[in-house]
Amino acid sequence: MKKNMGNTDRTIRVIVAIAFGALYFTGSVTGTFGMVLVVLGGIFLATSMISFCPLYTLAGMNTCEKRKI
């Protein structure tokens, strides 16, 4: 897998995942919607850790900074 996520994108995903988890575990969001948020938060954390988003590949996007050689 080739990296396609930049540092800013990864940071935003981690913050959103933490917010989703906080909403669910404090009881602010419950039920099916709460579980959907937890799953999305897990996906956001996983994709930010490996710096690869499969949806970016399908859309032809790349937020990774270009390296100067």
N, C-alpha and C. Protein backbone atom coordinates (compact mmCIF):
# COMPACT_ATOMS: atom_id res chain seq x y z
N MET A 1 0.83 -1.18 0.00
CA MET A 1 0.00 0.00 0.00
C MET A 1 0.88 1.24 0.00
N LYS A 2 0.58 2.13 -0.89
CA LYS A 2 1.30 3.39 -0.98
C LYS A 2 0.55 4.43 -0.14
N LYS A 3 1.28 5.19 0.66
CA LYS A 3 0.65 6.20 1.51
C LYS A 3 -0.07 7.24 0.65
N ASN A 4 -1.28 7.61 1.09
CA ASN A 4 -2.02 8.65 0.37
C ASN A 4 -2.67 9.66 1.33
N MET A 5 -2.19 9.70 2.58
CA MET A 5 -2.72 10.64 3.56
C MET A 5 -1.60 11.47 4.16
N GLY A 6 -1.80 12.77 4.20
CA GLY A 6 -0.82 13.67 4.80
C GLY A 6 -1.01 13.80 6.30
N ASN A 7 -0.09 14.49 6.94
CA ASN A 7 -0.13 14.63 8.40
C ASN A 7 -1.35 15.39 8.89
N THR A 8 -1.75 16.43 8.18
CA THR A 8 -2.93 17.20 8.58
C THR A 8 -4.17 16.34 8.53
N ASP A 9 -4.33 15.57 7.47
CA ASP A 9 -5.47 14.68 7.31
C ASP A 9 -5.49 13.64 8.43
N ARG A 10 -4.34 13.09 8.74
CA ARG A 10 -4.25 12.08 9.79
C ARG A 10 -4.62 12.67 11.15
N THR A 11 -4.15 13.88 11.43
CA THR A 11 -4.44 14.54 12.70
C THR A 11 -5.93 14.81 12.85
N ILE A 12 -6.55 15.30 11.79
CA ILE A 12 -8.00 15.58 11.82
C ILE A 12 -8.78 14.30 12.07
N ARG A 13 -8.38 13.20 11.43
CA ARG A 13 -9.09 11.93 11.62
C ARG A 13 -8.97 11.43 13.06
N VAL A 14 -7.80 11.59 13.67
CA VAL A 14 -7.63 11.16 15.06
C VAL A 14 -8.50 11.99 15.98
N ILE A 15 -8.55 13.30 15.77
CA ILE A 15 -9.37 14.18 16.60
C ILE A 15 -10.85 13.83 16.46
N VAL A 16 -11.30 13.59 15.25
CA VAL A 16 -12.70 13.22 15.02
C VAL A 16 -13.01 11.88 15.68
N ALA A 17 -12.09 10.92 15.58
CA ALA A 17 -12.29 9.61 16.20
C ALA A 17 -12.41 9.73 17.71
N ILE A 18 -11.57 10.57 18.31
CA ILE A 18 -11.63 10.78 19.76
C ILE A 18 -12.97 11.44 20.13
N ALA A 19 -13.42 12.38 19.33
CA ALA A 19 -14.70 13.04 19.59
C ALA A 19 -15.85 12.04 19.49
N PHE A 20 -15.82 11.17 18.48
CA PHE A 20 -16.87 10.15 18.34
C PHE A 20 -16.88 9.23 19.55
N GLY A 21 -15.69 8.80 19.98
CA GLY A 21 -15.61 7.93 21.15
C GLY A 21 -16.12 8.61 22.40
N ALA A 22 -15.76 9.87 22.58
CA ALA A 22 -16.22 10.62 23.75
C ALA A 22 -17.73 10.76 23.76
N LEU A 23 -18.31 11.04 22.61
CA LEU A 23 -19.78 11.16 22.53
C LEU A 23 -20.46 9.86 22.92
N TYR A 24 -19.91 8.75 22.44
CA TYR A 24 -20.53 7.46 22.72
C TYR A 24 -20.34 7.04 24.18
N PHE A 25 -19.11 7.13 24.68
CA PHE A 25 -18.82 6.62 26.01
C PHE A 25 -19.31 7.51 27.14
N THR A 26 -19.64 8.76 26.85
CA THR A 26 -20.26 9.62 27.87
C THR A 26 -21.78 9.48 27.85
N GLY A 27 -22.31 8.77 26.88
CA GLY A 27 -23.75 8.56 26.81
C GLY A 27 -24.49 9.65 26.08
N SER A 28 -23.79 10.57 25.44
CA SER A 28 -24.45 11.64 24.69
C SER A 28 -25.14 11.10 23.45
N VAL A 29 -24.54 10.08 22.84
CA VAL A 29 -25.12 9.45 21.66
C VAL A 29 -25.23 7.96 21.95
N THR A 30 -26.42 7.41 21.76
CA THR A 30 -26.63 6.00 22.08
C THR A 30 -27.31 5.29 20.91
N GLY A 31 -27.52 4.01 21.08
CA GLY A 31 -28.25 3.23 20.08
C GLY A 31 -27.43 2.96 18.84
N THR A 32 -28.16 2.78 17.75
CA THR A 32 -27.54 2.45 16.48
C THR A 32 -26.62 3.56 16.00
N PHE A 33 -27.05 4.79 16.14
CA PHE A 33 -26.23 5.92 15.71
C PHE A 33 -24.92 5.97 16.49
N GLY A 34 -24.98 5.68 17.77
CA GLY A 34 -23.78 5.65 18.59
C GLY A 34 -22.82 4.57 18.14
N MET A 35 -23.33 3.40 17.81
CA MET A 35 -22.48 2.31 17.33
C MET A 35 -21.86 2.65 15.98
N VAL A 36 -22.61 3.32 15.12
CA VAL A 36 -22.07 3.74 13.82
C VAL A 36 -20.91 4.71 14.04
N LEU A 37 -21.06 5.63 14.98
CA LEU A 37 -19.98 6.58 15.28
C LEU A 37 -18.74 5.86 15.81
N VAL A 38 -18.94 4.86 16.66
CA VAL A 38 -17.79 4.11 17.20
C VAL A 38 -17.07 3.37 16.08
N VAL A 39 -17.83 2.75 15.19
CA VAL A 39 -17.21 2.03 14.07
C VAL A 39 -16.46 3.00 13.15
N LEU A 40 -17.08 4.13 12.84
CA LEU A 40 -16.40 5.14 12.01
C LEU A 40 -15.14 5.66 12.69
N GLY A 41 -15.21 5.87 14.00
CA GLY A 41 -14.04 6.30 14.74
C GLY A 41 -12.92 5.28 14.66
N GLY A 42 -13.27 4.00 14.75
CA GLY A 42 -12.26 2.94 14.62
C GLY A 42 -11.64 2.91 13.25
N ILE A 43 -12.46 3.11 12.23
CA ILE A 43 -11.95 3.15 10.86
C ILE A 43 -11.03 4.36 10.69
N PHE A 44 -11.44 5.51 11.22
CA PHE A 44 -10.60 6.71 11.12
C PHE A 44 -9.25 6.49 11.81
N LEU A 45 -9.26 5.86 12.99
CA LEU A 45 -8.01 5.59 13.69
C LEU A 45 -7.12 4.63 12.90
N ALA A 46 -7.72 3.58 12.38
CA ALA A 46 -6.94 2.58 11.63
C ALA A 46 -6.32 3.19 10.38
N THR A 47 -7.11 3.95 9.62
CA THR A 47 -6.58 4.53 8.39
C THR A 47 -5.53 5.60 8.68
N SER A 48 -5.68 6.32 9.79
CA SER A 48 -4.66 7.33 10.11
C SER A 48 -3.37 6.68 10.58
N MET A 49 -3.46 5.53 11.22
CA MET A 49 -2.23 4.85 11.66
C MET A 49 -1.42 4.29 10.49
N ILE A 50 -2.11 3.80 9.45
CA ILE A 50 -1.39 3.23 8.31
C ILE A 50 -1.20 4.23 7.17
N SER A 51 -1.74 5.43 7.33
CA SER A 51 -1.61 6.51 6.33
C SER A 51 -2.15 6.12 4.96
N PHE A 52 -3.19 5.31 4.95
CA PHE A 52 -3.77 4.88 3.69
C PHE A 52 -5.28 4.85 3.82
N CYS A 53 -5.97 5.49 2.87
CA CYS A 53 -7.42 5.49 2.84
C CYS A 53 -7.88 4.87 1.52
N PRO A 54 -8.57 3.73 1.58
CA PRO A 54 -9.03 3.09 0.35
C PRO A 54 -9.97 3.97 -0.48
N LEU A 55 -10.78 4.79 0.18
CA LEU A 55 -11.69 5.66 -0.56
C LEU A 55 -10.93 6.72 -1.35
N TYR A 56 -9.80 7.18 -0.83
CA TYR A 56 -8.98 8.13 -1.57
C TYR A 56 -8.47 7.50 -2.86
N THR A 57 -8.14 6.21 -2.82
CA THR A 57 -7.67 5.52 -4.02
C THR A 57 -8.77 5.48 -5.07
N LEU A 58 -9.98 5.17 -4.64
CA LEU A 58 -11.11 5.12 -5.58
C LEU A 58 -11.41 6.49 -6.17
N ALA A 59 -11.26 7.54 -5.36
CA ALA A 59 -11.55 8.90 -5.82
C ALA A 59 -10.35 9.56 -6.51
N GLY A 60 -9.18 8.90 -6.46
CA GLY A 60 -7.99 9.47 -7.09
C GLY A 60 -7.39 10.61 -6.29
N MET A 61 -7.63 10.62 -4.98
CA MET A 61 -7.12 11.69 -4.13
C MET A 61 -5.81 11.29 -3.47
N ASN A 62 -5.02 12.29 -3.10
CA ASN A 62 -3.77 12.07 -2.39
C ASN A 62 -3.47 13.35 -1.60
N THR A 63 -3.48 13.26 -0.26
CA THR A 63 -3.18 14.43 0.56
C THR A 63 -1.77 14.37 1.11
N CYS A 64 -1.00 13.41 0.68
CA CYS A 64 0.38 13.25 1.14
C CYS A 64 1.25 14.32 0.50
N GLU A 65 2.17 14.88 1.31
CA GLU A 65 3.06 15.91 0.78
C GLU A 65 4.05 15.28 -0.19
N LYS A 66 4.38 16.01 -1.21
CA LYS A 66 5.37 15.53 -2.18
C LYS A 66 6.76 15.71 -1.60
N ARG A 67 7.59 14.68 -1.73
CA ARG A 67 8.95 14.73 -1.20
C ARG A 67 9.89 15.33 -2.24
N LYS A 68 10.79 16.17 -1.77
CA LYS A 68 11.79 16.76 -2.68
C LYS A 68 13.02 15.87 -2.66
N ILE A 69 13.51 15.56 -3.83
CA ILE A 69 14.70 14.71 -3.94
C ILE A 69 15.87 15.53 -4.37
